Amino acid sequence: MTPKPGASTDANFLALGDSYTIGESVPEADRWSVLLAGLLRKDGLTITDPDIIARTGWTTSELSDAIKQSGNQKTYQLVSLLIGVNNQYRGQDVERYRTEFRALLQTATRFAGGKPGRVFVLSIPDWGVTPYAAGSGRDRQQIAKEIDAFNAVALDECKKAGIVYVDITPTSRTAAGDPSQIAEDGLHFSGKQYRQWAEKALPVVKKLL
């Protein structure tokens, strides 16, 4: 990025999502979006740590409501969206997800100053690989199948909107049987797994900036 004379040289970054974006059960420094900002700076790009609108348990509709309630009117050089695991967890309809996800892509694009080329989406990770899932009695193959269905919708909507989609779901599945990639709560991922997401997003995001 080439800043105007006298302008701030730091790009700003907004991360929208749920527990995976807020980094449930990990330190702030281990959030994937914070790790990504650090990797970008290491590669010579000046960017702030992200503003975050995210909370554990949020679905697409709850995230949308929270964005409205936040009153945030800022414009960002980079906006990320990672949402949908709670839609799947609660058994919500995938077509409802499509409608609400599409609206969130539009909201993310508005935050990016109307530029879809400044927005990127991370796919929904597979919580079925976690110890929590193993002890829940739910069919982990069914969880994987449903998450793939939600992600297919997200990818389709991203293509229609001209927004970059970063598929971290296969990466999340490498956490199966590896306690070092799982947070202490047994349900969410650790900073080690989040770093892999950041590394996967890095080359894509560098092109956006």
N, C-alpha and C. Protein backbone atom coordinates (compact mmCIF):
# COMPACT_ATOMS: atom_id res chain seq x y z
N MET A 1 0.84 -1.19 0.00
CA MET A 1 0.00 0.00 0.00
C MET A 1 0.88 1.24 0.00
N THR A 2 0.51 2.22 -0.80
CA THR A 2 1.25 3.48 -0.82
C THR A 2 0.39 4.56 -0.19
N PRO A 3 0.72 4.97 1.04
CA PRO A 3 -0.11 5.95 1.73
C PRO A 3 0.06 7.34 1.14
N LYS A 4 -0.95 8.17 1.29
CA LYS A 4 -0.86 9.57 0.90
C LYS A 4 0.05 10.30 1.88
N PRO A 5 0.73 11.35 1.43
CA PRO A 5 1.59 12.10 2.34
C PRO A 5 0.80 12.57 3.56
N GLY A 6 1.36 12.34 4.72
CA GLY A 6 0.71 12.80 5.94
C GLY A 6 -0.34 11.84 6.47
N ALA A 7 -0.67 10.80 5.71
CA ALA A 7 -1.69 9.85 6.14
C ALA A 7 -1.05 8.77 7.01
N SER A 8 -1.88 8.11 7.80
CA SER A 8 -1.39 6.99 8.59
C SER A 8 -0.92 5.89 7.64
N THR A 9 0.22 5.27 7.97
CA THR A 9 0.74 4.21 7.12
C THR A 9 0.19 2.85 7.50
N ASP A 10 -0.59 2.79 8.57
CA ASP A 10 -1.10 1.50 9.04
C ASP A 10 -2.47 1.20 8.44
N ALA A 11 -2.56 0.06 7.75
CA ALA A 11 -3.86 -0.43 7.32
C ALA A 11 -4.62 -0.92 8.55
N ASN A 12 -5.93 -0.78 8.54
CA ASN A 12 -6.72 -1.30 9.66
C ASN A 12 -7.49 -2.53 9.22
N PHE A 13 -7.90 -3.32 10.20
CA PHE A 13 -8.37 -4.69 9.96
C PHE A 13 -9.55 -4.94 10.90
N LEU A 14 -10.63 -5.47 10.33
CA LEU A 14 -11.81 -5.85 11.12
C LEU A 14 -12.06 -7.34 10.95
N ALA A 15 -12.19 -8.05 12.05
CA ALA A 15 -12.46 -9.49 12.02
C ALA A 15 -13.85 -9.75 12.59
N LEU A 16 -14.70 -10.38 11.80
CA LEU A 16 -16.08 -10.68 12.18
C LEU A 16 -16.25 -12.18 12.35
N GLY A 17 -16.96 -12.60 13.41
CA GLY A 17 -17.14 -14.04 13.55
C GLY A 17 -17.72 -14.51 14.85
N ASP A 18 -17.20 -15.65 15.32
CA ASP A 18 -17.73 -16.32 16.51
C ASP A 18 -16.56 -16.72 17.41
N SER A 19 -16.65 -17.87 18.07
CA SER A 19 -15.60 -18.28 19.01
C SER A 19 -14.24 -18.43 18.35
N TYR A 20 -14.21 -18.82 17.09
CA TYR A 20 -12.93 -19.03 16.43
C TYR A 20 -12.22 -17.71 16.14
N THR A 21 -12.97 -16.64 16.01
CA THR A 21 -12.37 -15.33 15.77
C THR A 21 -12.01 -14.64 17.07
N ILE A 22 -12.83 -14.81 18.10
CA ILE A 22 -12.50 -14.20 19.39
C ILE A 22 -11.42 -15.02 20.10
N GLY A 23 -11.21 -16.25 19.65
CA GLY A 23 -10.17 -17.08 20.24
C GLY A 23 -10.55 -17.62 21.60
N GLU A 24 -11.71 -18.27 21.66
CA GLU A 24 -12.17 -18.87 22.92
C GLU A 24 -11.10 -19.81 23.49
N SER A 25 -10.78 -19.60 24.76
CA SER A 25 -9.85 -20.46 25.51
C SER A 25 -8.39 -20.33 25.10
N VAL A 26 -8.05 -19.29 24.33
CA VAL A 26 -6.63 -19.02 24.05
C VAL A 26 -6.32 -17.56 24.38
N PRO A 27 -5.06 -17.22 24.66
CA PRO A 27 -4.69 -15.81 24.89
C PRO A 27 -4.96 -14.97 23.65
N GLU A 28 -5.15 -13.67 23.84
CA GLU A 28 -5.41 -12.77 22.71
C GLU A 28 -4.33 -12.90 21.63
N ALA A 29 -3.09 -13.07 22.06
CA ALA A 29 -1.98 -13.14 21.11
C ALA A 29 -2.06 -14.35 20.20
N ASP A 30 -2.85 -15.37 20.60
CA ASP A 30 -2.98 -16.59 19.81
C ASP A 30 -4.22 -16.61 18.92
N ARG A 31 -4.99 -15.54 18.90
CA ARG A 31 -6.11 -15.47 17.97
C ARG A 31 -5.57 -15.50 16.54
N TRP A 32 -6.26 -16.19 15.65
CA TRP A 32 -5.72 -16.32 14.29
C TRP A 32 -5.58 -14.97 13.60
N SER A 33 -6.52 -14.07 13.86
CA SER A 33 -6.46 -12.76 13.20
C SER A 33 -5.30 -11.91 13.72
N VAL A 34 -5.01 -12.02 15.00
CA VAL A 34 -3.86 -11.31 15.58
C VAL A 34 -2.56 -11.90 15.04
N LEU A 35 -2.51 -13.23 14.95
CA LEU A 35 -1.34 -13.89 14.38
C LEU A 35 -1.13 -13.47 12.92
N LEU A 36 -2.23 -13.36 12.18
CA LEU A 36 -2.15 -12.94 10.77
C LEU A 36 -1.59 -11.53 10.66
N ALA A 37 -2.08 -10.63 11.49
CA ALA A 37 -1.57 -9.26 11.46
C ALA A 37 -0.06 -9.25 11.74
N GLY A 38 0.37 -10.07 12.68
CA GLY A 38 1.80 -10.16 12.99
C GLY A 38 2.61 -10.69 11.82
N LEU A 39 2.09 -11.69 11.14
CA LEU A 39 2.77 -12.23 9.96
C LEU A 39 2.86 -11.21 8.83
N LEU A 40 1.80 -10.42 8.67
CA LEU A 40 1.81 -9.37 7.64
C LEU A 40 2.87 -8.32 7.95
N ARG A 41 2.95 -7.94 9.23
CA ARG A 41 3.98 -6.96 9.61
C ARG A 41 5.38 -7.53 9.40
N LYS A 42 5.54 -8.81 9.71
CA LYS A 42 6.84 -9.46 9.52
C LYS A 42 7.25 -9.43 8.05
N ASP A 43 6.26 -9.46 7.17
CA ASP A 43 6.53 -9.41 5.73
C ASP A 43 6.57 -7.98 5.19
N GLY A 44 6.59 -7.01 6.10
CA GLY A 44 6.80 -5.63 5.69
C GLY A 44 5.55 -4.81 5.45
N LEU A 45 4.36 -5.38 5.69
CA LEU A 45 3.12 -4.63 5.53
C LEU A 45 2.73 -4.01 6.88
N THR A 46 2.35 -2.77 6.85
CA THR A 46 1.98 -2.09 8.09
C THR A 46 0.48 -2.21 8.30
N ILE A 47 0.11 -2.92 9.34
CA ILE A 47 -1.30 -3.17 9.64
C ILE A 47 -1.49 -3.25 11.14
N THR A 48 -2.61 -2.74 11.61
CA THR A 48 -2.93 -2.78 13.03
C THR A 48 -3.43 -4.18 13.42
N ASP A 49 -3.37 -4.47 14.71
CA ASP A 49 -4.10 -5.64 15.19
C ASP A 49 -5.58 -5.41 14.94
N PRO A 50 -6.34 -6.47 14.74
CA PRO A 50 -7.74 -6.31 14.30
C PRO A 50 -8.67 -5.75 15.37
N ASP A 51 -9.63 -4.95 14.91
CA ASP A 51 -10.85 -4.76 15.68
C ASP A 51 -11.65 -6.05 15.51
N ILE A 52 -12.32 -6.49 16.55
CA ILE A 52 -13.03 -7.76 16.50
C ILE A 52 -14.47 -7.60 16.94
N ILE A 53 -15.39 -8.08 16.11
CA ILE A 53 -16.79 -8.22 16.52
C ILE A 53 -17.09 -9.71 16.42
N ALA A 54 -17.03 -10.38 17.54
CA ALA A 54 -17.19 -11.84 17.58
C ALA A 54 -17.49 -12.26 19.00
N ARG A 55 -18.22 -13.35 19.14
CA ARG A 55 -18.50 -13.92 20.45
C ARG A 55 -18.78 -15.41 20.30
N THR A 56 -18.36 -16.15 21.30
CA THR A 56 -18.61 -17.58 21.31
C THR A 56 -20.12 -17.85 21.26
N GLY A 57 -20.51 -18.76 20.36
CA GLY A 57 -21.90 -19.17 20.26
C GLY A 57 -22.73 -18.45 19.22
N TRP A 58 -22.17 -17.39 18.62
CA TRP A 58 -22.96 -16.62 17.66
C TRP A 58 -23.21 -17.39 16.37
N THR A 59 -24.44 -17.27 15.90
CA THR A 59 -24.82 -17.71 14.56
C THR A 59 -24.71 -16.51 13.61
N THR A 60 -25.02 -16.73 12.34
CA THR A 60 -25.02 -15.63 11.38
C THR A 60 -25.97 -14.51 11.80
N SER A 61 -27.15 -14.84 12.24
CA SER A 61 -28.13 -13.80 12.61
C SER A 61 -27.68 -13.05 13.86
N GLU A 62 -27.07 -13.74 14.80
CA GLU A 62 -26.60 -13.08 16.02
C GLU A 62 -25.42 -12.17 15.73
N LEU A 63 -24.54 -12.58 14.85
CA LEU A 63 -23.45 -11.71 14.44
C LEU A 63 -23.99 -10.47 13.75
N SER A 64 -24.95 -10.65 12.86
CA SER A 64 -25.54 -9.52 12.16
C SER A 64 -26.16 -8.53 13.13
N ASP A 65 -26.89 -9.04 14.12
CA ASP A 65 -27.51 -8.17 15.13
C ASP A 65 -26.45 -7.43 15.92
N ALA A 66 -25.37 -8.12 16.28
CA ALA A 66 -24.31 -7.50 17.08
C ALA A 66 -23.59 -6.41 16.31
N ILE A 67 -23.41 -6.61 15.01
CA ILE A 67 -22.77 -5.58 14.18
C ILE A 67 -23.63 -4.30 14.20
N LYS A 68 -24.94 -4.48 14.05
CA LYS A 68 -25.83 -3.32 14.08
C LYS A 68 -25.76 -2.62 15.44
N GLN A 69 -25.76 -3.40 16.51
CA GLN A 69 -25.73 -2.83 17.85
C GLN A 69 -24.40 -2.16 18.17
N SER A 70 -23.34 -2.58 17.48
CA SER A 70 -22.01 -2.01 17.76
C SER A 70 -21.92 -0.54 17.36
N GLY A 71 -22.72 -0.15 16.36
CA GLY A 71 -22.66 1.23 15.87
C GLY A 71 -21.37 1.56 15.14
N ASN A 72 -20.59 0.55 14.80
CA ASN A 72 -19.30 0.76 14.13
C ASN A 72 -19.53 1.30 12.72
N GLN A 73 -19.02 2.50 12.46
CA GLN A 73 -19.17 3.13 11.15
C GLN A 73 -17.84 3.29 10.43
N LYS A 74 -16.80 2.66 10.96
CA LYS A 74 -15.47 2.82 10.38
C LYS A 74 -15.35 2.10 9.03
N THR A 75 -14.38 2.52 8.26
CA THR A 75 -14.03 1.83 7.02
C THR A 75 -12.66 1.19 7.21
N TYR A 76 -12.53 -0.03 6.71
CA TYR A 76 -11.31 -0.81 6.92
C TYR A 76 -10.66 -1.18 5.60
N GLN A 77 -9.34 -1.32 5.66
CA GLN A 77 -8.60 -1.78 4.48
C GLN A 77 -8.67 -3.30 4.33
N LEU A 78 -9.05 -4.00 5.42
CA LEU A 78 -9.13 -5.45 5.38
C LEU A 78 -10.25 -5.91 6.31
N VAL A 79 -11.10 -6.81 5.82
CA VAL A 79 -12.21 -7.34 6.62
C VAL A 79 -12.26 -8.85 6.44
N SER A 80 -12.35 -9.57 7.55
CA SER A 80 -12.48 -11.03 7.49
C SER A 80 -13.83 -11.45 8.06
N LEU A 81 -14.29 -12.61 7.59
CA LEU A 81 -15.54 -13.19 8.08
C LEU A 81 -15.35 -14.69 8.24
N LEU A 82 -15.68 -15.20 9.41
CA LEU A 82 -15.66 -16.63 9.70
C LEU A 82 -16.87 -16.93 10.58
N ILE A 83 -17.91 -17.54 10.00
CA ILE A 83 -19.15 -17.71 10.74
C ILE A 83 -19.93 -18.91 10.17
N GLY A 84 -20.61 -19.62 11.06
CA GLY A 84 -21.49 -20.68 10.59
C GLY A 84 -21.47 -21.95 11.43
N VAL A 85 -20.44 -22.12 12.26
CA VAL A 85 -20.36 -23.37 13.03
C VAL A 85 -21.55 -23.52 13.97
N ASN A 86 -22.03 -22.41 14.52
CA ASN A 86 -23.15 -22.50 15.45
C ASN A 86 -24.48 -22.71 14.74
N ASN A 87 -24.56 -22.26 13.48
CA ASN A 87 -25.72 -22.62 12.67
C ASN A 87 -25.78 -24.14 12.51
N GLN A 88 -24.62 -24.72 12.19
CA GLN A 88 -24.56 -26.17 12.04
C GLN A 88 -24.82 -26.89 13.36
N TYR A 89 -24.21 -26.40 14.43
CA TYR A 89 -24.33 -27.04 15.74
C TYR A 89 -25.78 -27.08 16.22
N ARG A 90 -26.50 -26.01 15.93
CA ARG A 90 -27.90 -25.92 16.36
C ARG A 90 -28.88 -26.58 15.38
N GLY A 91 -28.36 -27.12 14.30
CA GLY A 91 -29.22 -27.81 13.35
C GLY A 91 -30.04 -26.89 12.48
N GLN A 92 -29.55 -25.67 12.26
CA GLN A 92 -30.29 -24.73 11.41
C GLN A 92 -30.19 -25.13 9.94
N ASP A 93 -31.14 -24.66 9.19
CA ASP A 93 -31.23 -24.99 7.76
C ASP A 93 -30.11 -24.31 6.98
N VAL A 94 -29.52 -25.05 6.03
CA VAL A 94 -28.40 -24.52 5.27
C VAL A 94 -28.84 -23.39 4.35
N GLU A 95 -30.09 -23.40 3.90
CA GLU A 95 -30.55 -22.31 3.03
C GLU A 95 -30.80 -21.02 3.83
N ARG A 96 -31.19 -21.17 5.08
CA ARG A 96 -31.24 -19.99 5.95
C ARG A 96 -29.84 -19.41 6.10
N TYR A 97 -28.88 -20.29 6.28
CA TYR A 97 -27.48 -19.84 6.37
C TYR A 97 -27.08 -19.09 5.10
N ARG A 98 -27.47 -19.59 3.95
CA ARG A 98 -27.12 -18.92 2.69
C ARG A 98 -27.61 -17.47 2.69
N THR A 99 -28.86 -17.29 3.04
CA THR A 99 -29.45 -15.94 3.03
C THR A 99 -28.73 -15.01 4.02
N GLU A 100 -28.51 -15.51 5.22
CA GLU A 100 -27.89 -14.67 6.25
C GLU A 100 -26.40 -14.46 5.99
N PHE A 101 -25.72 -15.45 5.44
CA PHE A 101 -24.31 -15.32 5.10
C PHE A 101 -24.14 -14.31 3.97
N ARG A 102 -25.01 -14.37 2.99
CA ARG A 102 -24.96 -13.41 1.88
C ARG A 102 -25.08 -11.98 2.40
N ALA A 103 -25.99 -11.77 3.34
CA ALA A 103 -26.16 -10.44 3.93
C ALA A 103 -24.91 -10.01 4.68
N LEU A 104 -24.26 -10.95 5.36
CA LEU A 104 -23.03 -10.62 6.08
C LEU A 104 -21.88 -10.30 5.12
N LEU A 105 -21.84 -10.94 3.97
CA LEU A 105 -20.85 -10.58 2.96
C LEU A 105 -21.06 -9.14 2.50
N GLN A 106 -22.32 -8.77 2.34
CA GLN A 106 -22.63 -7.38 1.96
C GLN A 106 -22.20 -6.41 3.05
N THR A 107 -22.45 -6.78 4.31
CA THR A 107 -22.04 -5.94 5.43
C THR A 107 -20.52 -5.81 5.48
N ALA A 108 -19.82 -6.92 5.32
CA ALA A 108 -18.36 -6.90 5.33
C ALA A 108 -17.82 -6.01 4.21
N THR A 109 -18.46 -6.07 3.06
CA THR A 109 -18.04 -5.24 1.93
C THR A 109 -18.26 -3.76 2.22
N ARG A 110 -19.35 -3.44 2.90
CA ARG A 110 -19.57 -2.03 3.30
C ARG A 110 -18.47 -1.58 4.25
N PHE A 111 -18.09 -2.42 5.19
CA PHE A 111 -16.99 -2.07 6.09
C PHE A 111 -15.70 -1.86 5.32
N ALA A 112 -15.56 -2.53 4.19
CA ALA A 112 -14.36 -2.41 3.36
C ALA A 112 -14.49 -1.28 2.34
N GLY A 113 -15.37 -0.36 2.60
CA GLY A 113 -15.54 0.79 1.71
C GLY A 113 -16.16 0.42 0.38
N GLY A 114 -16.97 -0.65 0.38
CA GLY A 114 -17.62 -1.07 -0.85
C GLY A 114 -16.73 -1.88 -1.78
N LYS A 115 -15.58 -2.33 -1.26
CA LYS A 115 -14.61 -3.06 -2.09
C LYS A 115 -14.55 -4.54 -1.69
N PRO A 116 -15.21 -5.41 -2.44
CA PRO A 116 -15.16 -6.84 -2.10
C PRO A 116 -13.75 -7.41 -2.16
N GLY A 117 -12.87 -6.76 -2.89
CA GLY A 117 -11.48 -7.19 -3.00
C GLY A 117 -10.67 -6.94 -1.74
N ARG A 118 -11.29 -6.34 -0.74
CA ARG A 118 -10.63 -6.15 0.56
C ARG A 118 -11.23 -7.07 1.63
N VAL A 119 -12.08 -7.99 1.22
CA VAL A 119 -12.76 -8.90 2.15
C VAL A 119 -12.28 -10.32 1.88
N PHE A 120 -12.11 -11.10 2.94
CA PHE A 120 -11.84 -12.53 2.77
C PHE A 120 -12.60 -13.32 3.81
N VAL A 121 -12.92 -14.56 3.43
CA VAL A 121 -13.70 -15.47 4.28
C VAL A 121 -12.84 -16.69 4.60
N LEU A 122 -12.88 -17.11 5.85
CA LEU A 122 -12.32 -18.40 6.24
C LEU A 122 -13.45 -19.40 6.35
N SER A 123 -13.20 -20.61 5.87
CA SER A 123 -14.20 -21.67 5.95
C SER A 123 -14.43 -22.08 7.41
N ILE A 124 -15.53 -22.77 7.64
CA ILE A 124 -15.87 -23.26 8.98
C ILE A 124 -14.98 -24.45 9.30
N PRO A 125 -14.26 -24.44 10.43
CA PRO A 125 -13.47 -25.60 10.80
C PRO A 125 -14.35 -26.73 11.31
N ASP A 126 -13.77 -27.91 11.40
CA ASP A 126 -14.52 -29.10 11.79
C ASP A 126 -14.32 -29.40 13.28
N TRP A 127 -15.31 -29.00 14.08
CA TRP A 127 -15.21 -29.25 15.53
C TRP A 127 -15.42 -30.73 15.85
N GLY A 128 -15.81 -31.52 14.86
CA GLY A 128 -16.01 -32.95 15.07
C GLY A 128 -14.73 -33.70 15.41
N VAL A 129 -13.56 -33.07 15.19
CA VAL A 129 -12.29 -33.74 15.51
C VAL A 129 -11.90 -33.55 16.98
N THR A 130 -12.67 -32.78 17.73
CA THR A 130 -12.27 -32.43 19.10
C THR A 130 -12.71 -33.48 20.12
N PRO A 131 -12.03 -33.52 21.27
CA PRO A 131 -12.46 -34.42 22.34
C PRO A 131 -13.90 -34.16 22.78
N TYR A 132 -14.32 -32.89 22.75
CA TYR A 132 -15.71 -32.57 23.12
C TYR A 132 -16.68 -33.31 22.21
N ALA A 133 -16.41 -33.29 20.93
CA ALA A 133 -17.29 -33.98 19.98
C ALA A 133 -17.29 -35.48 20.24
N ALA A 134 -16.11 -36.01 20.54
CA ALA A 134 -16.00 -37.46 20.80
C ALA A 134 -16.86 -37.87 21.99
N GLY A 135 -16.95 -36.98 22.98
CA GLY A 135 -17.72 -37.30 24.18
C GLY A 135 -19.16 -36.87 24.14
N SER A 136 -19.55 -36.22 23.04
CA SER A 136 -20.90 -35.65 22.97
C SER A 136 -21.96 -36.66 22.54
N GLY A 137 -21.52 -37.75 21.97
CA GLY A 137 -22.47 -38.73 21.45
C GLY A 137 -22.96 -38.42 20.05
N ARG A 138 -22.52 -37.29 19.49
CA ARG A 138 -22.94 -36.95 18.14
C ARG A 138 -22.05 -37.67 17.13
N ASP A 139 -22.62 -37.94 15.98
CA ASP A 139 -21.92 -38.66 14.91
C ASP A 139 -20.92 -37.71 14.26
N ARG A 140 -19.63 -38.01 14.45
CA ARG A 140 -18.61 -37.09 13.94
C ARG A 140 -18.54 -37.07 12.42
N GLN A 141 -18.86 -38.18 11.79
CA GLN A 141 -18.91 -38.17 10.32
C GLN A 141 -20.06 -37.29 9.82
N GLN A 142 -21.15 -37.29 10.56
CA GLN A 142 -22.29 -36.44 10.19
C GLN A 142 -21.94 -34.97 10.40
N ILE A 143 -21.22 -34.67 11.47
CA ILE A 143 -20.77 -33.29 11.70
C ILE A 143 -19.93 -32.82 10.51
N ALA A 144 -18.99 -33.66 10.10
CA ALA A 144 -18.12 -33.32 8.98
C ALA A 144 -18.93 -33.09 7.70
N LYS A 145 -19.89 -33.96 7.47
CA LYS A 145 -20.74 -33.85 6.27
C LYS A 145 -21.52 -32.53 6.28
N GLU A 146 -22.08 -32.19 7.43
CA GLU A 146 -22.87 -30.96 7.53
C GLU A 146 -21.98 -29.73 7.38
N ILE A 147 -20.81 -29.75 8.00
CA ILE A 147 -19.90 -28.60 7.86
C ILE A 147 -19.48 -28.44 6.41
N ASP A 148 -19.23 -29.53 5.72
CA ASP A 148 -18.90 -29.44 4.29
C ASP A 148 -20.05 -28.81 3.49
N ALA A 149 -21.27 -29.13 3.88
CA ALA A 149 -22.44 -28.56 3.18
C ALA A 149 -22.54 -27.06 3.42
N PHE A 150 -22.32 -26.63 4.66
CA PHE A 150 -22.35 -25.20 4.95
C PHE A 150 -21.21 -24.48 4.23
N ASN A 151 -20.05 -25.10 4.20
CA ASN A 151 -18.92 -24.47 3.52
C ASN A 151 -19.13 -24.39 2.02
N ALA A 152 -19.82 -25.36 1.44
CA ALA A 152 -20.11 -25.30 0.00
C ALA A 152 -20.98 -24.08 -0.31
N VAL A 153 -21.92 -23.79 0.59
CA VAL A 153 -22.77 -22.61 0.43
C VAL A 153 -21.92 -21.33 0.56
N ALA A 154 -21.05 -21.30 1.56
CA ALA A 154 -20.21 -20.12 1.76
C ALA A 154 -19.31 -19.87 0.54
N LEU A 155 -18.72 -20.94 0.02
CA LEU A 155 -17.86 -20.79 -1.16
C LEU A 155 -18.66 -20.28 -2.35
N ASP A 156 -19.85 -20.81 -2.55
CA ASP A 156 -20.70 -20.38 -3.66
C ASP A 156 -21.04 -18.90 -3.55
N GLU A 157 -21.39 -18.47 -2.35
CA GLU A 157 -21.76 -17.06 -2.16
C GLU A 157 -20.55 -16.15 -2.31
N CYS A 158 -19.38 -16.62 -1.87
CA CYS A 158 -18.16 -15.82 -2.05
C CYS A 158 -17.84 -15.63 -3.53
N LYS A 159 -17.99 -16.71 -4.30
CA LYS A 159 -17.74 -16.61 -5.75
C LYS A 159 -18.68 -15.60 -6.40
N LYS A 160 -19.95 -15.63 -6.02
CA LYS A 160 -20.92 -14.70 -6.58
C LYS A 160 -20.59 -13.25 -6.23
N ALA A 161 -20.04 -13.06 -5.02
CA ALA A 161 -19.77 -11.70 -4.54
C ALA A 161 -18.37 -11.21 -4.90
N GLY A 162 -17.54 -12.08 -5.49
CA GLY A 162 -16.18 -11.69 -5.83
C GLY A 162 -15.29 -11.56 -4.61
N ILE A 163 -15.53 -12.41 -3.61
CA ILE A 163 -14.80 -12.37 -2.34
C ILE A 163 -13.94 -13.62 -2.21
N VAL A 164 -12.72 -13.43 -1.73
CA VAL A 164 -11.77 -14.53 -1.59
C VAL A 164 -12.19 -15.46 -0.44
N TYR A 165 -12.06 -16.75 -0.69
CA TYR A 165 -12.43 -17.80 0.27
C TYR A 165 -11.18 -18.61 0.59
N VAL A 166 -10.87 -18.71 1.86
CA VAL A 166 -9.69 -19.47 2.30
C VAL A 166 -10.17 -20.73 3.01
N ASP A 167 -9.86 -21.88 2.46
CA ASP A 167 -10.36 -23.16 2.99
C ASP A 167 -9.41 -23.70 4.05
N ILE A 168 -9.77 -23.47 5.33
CA ILE A 168 -8.95 -23.97 6.43
C ILE A 168 -9.54 -25.24 7.05
N THR A 169 -10.64 -25.74 6.49
CA THR A 169 -11.29 -26.93 7.07
C THR A 169 -10.38 -28.16 7.05
N PRO A 170 -9.71 -28.46 5.94
CA PRO A 170 -8.79 -29.60 5.97
C PRO A 170 -7.69 -29.44 7.02
N THR A 171 -7.22 -28.21 7.20
CA THR A 171 -6.21 -27.94 8.22
C THR A 171 -6.75 -28.25 9.61
N SER A 172 -8.00 -27.85 9.87
CA SER A 172 -8.59 -28.11 11.18
C SER A 172 -8.68 -29.60 11.46
N ARG A 173 -8.87 -30.38 10.43
CA ARG A 173 -9.02 -31.83 10.61
C ARG A 173 -7.70 -32.51 10.97
N THR A 174 -6.58 -31.83 10.77
CA THR A 174 -5.29 -32.39 11.18
C THR A 174 -5.14 -32.37 12.70
N ALA A 175 -6.05 -31.68 13.40
CA ALA A 175 -5.99 -31.63 14.86
C ALA A 175 -6.50 -32.91 15.50
N ALA A 176 -7.12 -33.78 14.73
CA ALA A 176 -7.66 -35.03 15.27
C ALA A 176 -6.55 -35.84 15.94
N GLY A 177 -6.74 -36.14 17.21
CA GLY A 177 -5.77 -36.95 17.92
C GLY A 177 -4.51 -36.22 18.35
N ASP A 178 -4.45 -34.91 18.15
CA ASP A 178 -3.27 -34.12 18.51
C ASP A 178 -3.66 -33.09 19.58
N PRO A 179 -3.46 -33.39 20.85
CA PRO A 179 -3.87 -32.47 21.93
C PRO A 179 -3.23 -31.10 21.83
N SER A 180 -2.06 -31.00 21.19
CA SER A 180 -1.38 -29.70 21.11
C SER A 180 -2.13 -28.72 20.21
N GLN A 181 -3.04 -29.23 19.38
CA GLN A 181 -3.80 -28.36 18.49
C GLN A 181 -5.20 -28.03 19.03
N ILE A 182 -5.48 -28.50 20.24
CA ILE A 182 -6.79 -28.30 20.86
C ILE A 182 -6.63 -27.43 22.10
N ALA A 183 -7.56 -26.50 22.30
CA ALA A 183 -7.54 -25.65 23.49
C ALA A 183 -7.89 -26.46 24.74
N GLU A 184 -7.64 -25.87 25.89
CA GLU A 184 -7.86 -26.58 27.16
C GLU A 184 -9.31 -27.00 27.37
N ASP A 185 -10.25 -26.30 26.73
CA ASP A 185 -11.66 -26.65 26.93
C ASP A 185 -12.09 -27.91 26.18
N GLY A 186 -11.19 -28.43 25.34
CA GLY A 186 -11.50 -29.65 24.61
C GLY A 186 -12.42 -29.48 23.42
N LEU A 187 -12.86 -28.26 23.17
CA LEU A 187 -13.80 -27.99 22.08
C LEU A 187 -13.20 -27.08 21.02
N HIS A 188 -12.49 -26.07 21.44
CA HIS A 188 -11.93 -25.10 20.49
C HIS A 188 -10.47 -25.46 20.15
N PHE A 189 -9.92 -24.73 19.22
CA PHE A 189 -8.56 -25.02 18.77
C PHE A 189 -7.54 -24.17 19.52
N SER A 190 -6.31 -24.63 19.49
CA SER A 190 -5.22 -23.94 20.18
C SER A 190 -4.54 -22.93 19.26
N GLY A 191 -3.65 -22.14 19.85
CA GLY A 191 -2.89 -21.19 19.06
C GLY A 191 -2.06 -21.86 17.98
N LYS A 192 -1.64 -23.09 18.23
CA LYS A 192 -0.86 -23.83 17.23
C LYS A 192 -1.68 -24.08 15.97
N GLN A 193 -2.96 -24.43 16.15
CA GLN A 193 -3.84 -24.60 15.00
C GLN A 193 -4.18 -23.26 14.36
N TYR A 194 -4.44 -22.25 15.18
CA TYR A 194 -4.77 -20.92 14.64
C TYR A 194 -3.62 -20.35 13.83
N ARG A 195 -2.39 -20.63 14.23
CA ARG A 195 -1.24 -20.14 13.46
C ARG A 195 -1.27 -20.73 12.05
N GLN A 196 -1.68 -21.98 11.93
CA GLN A 196 -1.77 -22.59 10.60
C GLN A 196 -2.81 -21.90 9.73
N TRP A 197 -3.92 -21.46 10.37
CA TRP A 197 -4.92 -20.72 9.60
C TRP A 197 -4.34 -19.41 9.10
N ALA A 198 -3.63 -18.72 10.00
CA ALA A 198 -3.02 -17.44 9.64
C ALA A 198 -2.02 -17.62 8.51
N GLU A 199 -1.22 -18.69 8.59
CA GLU A 199 -0.23 -18.95 7.54
C GLU A 199 -0.90 -19.27 6.21
N LYS A 200 -2.04 -19.97 6.27
CA LYS A 200 -2.76 -20.29 5.03
C LYS A 200 -3.37 -19.04 4.41
N ALA A 201 -3.86 -18.12 5.27
CA ALA A 201 -4.48 -16.89 4.77
C ALA A 201 -3.45 -15.87 4.28
N LEU A 202 -2.23 -15.94 4.81
CA LEU A 202 -1.23 -14.90 4.57
C LEU A 202 -1.01 -14.57 3.09
N PRO A 203 -0.69 -15.54 2.22
CA PRO A 203 -0.41 -15.16 0.83
C PRO A 203 -1.62 -14.57 0.12
N VAL A 204 -2.80 -15.02 0.50
CA VAL A 204 -4.03 -14.51 -0.09
C VAL A 204 -4.24 -13.05 0.34
N VAL A 205 -4.08 -12.80 1.62
CA VAL A 205 -4.34 -11.46 2.16
C VAL A 205 -3.30 -10.46 1.68
N LYS A 206 -2.07 -10.90 1.49
CA LYS A 206 -1.03 -9.99 0.97
C LYS A 206 -1.44 -9.44 -0.40
N LYS A 207 -2.07 -10.28 -1.20
CA LYS A 207 -2.54 -9.82 -2.51
C LYS A 207 -3.67 -8.82 -2.38
N LEU A 208 -4.51 -8.98 -1.36
CA LEU A 208 -5.63 -8.05 -1.17
C LEU A 208 -5.15 -6.67 -0.77
N LEU A 209 -4.04 -6.63 -0.03
CA LEU A 209 -3.50 -5.36 0.44
C LEU A 209 -2.55 -4.73 -0.57
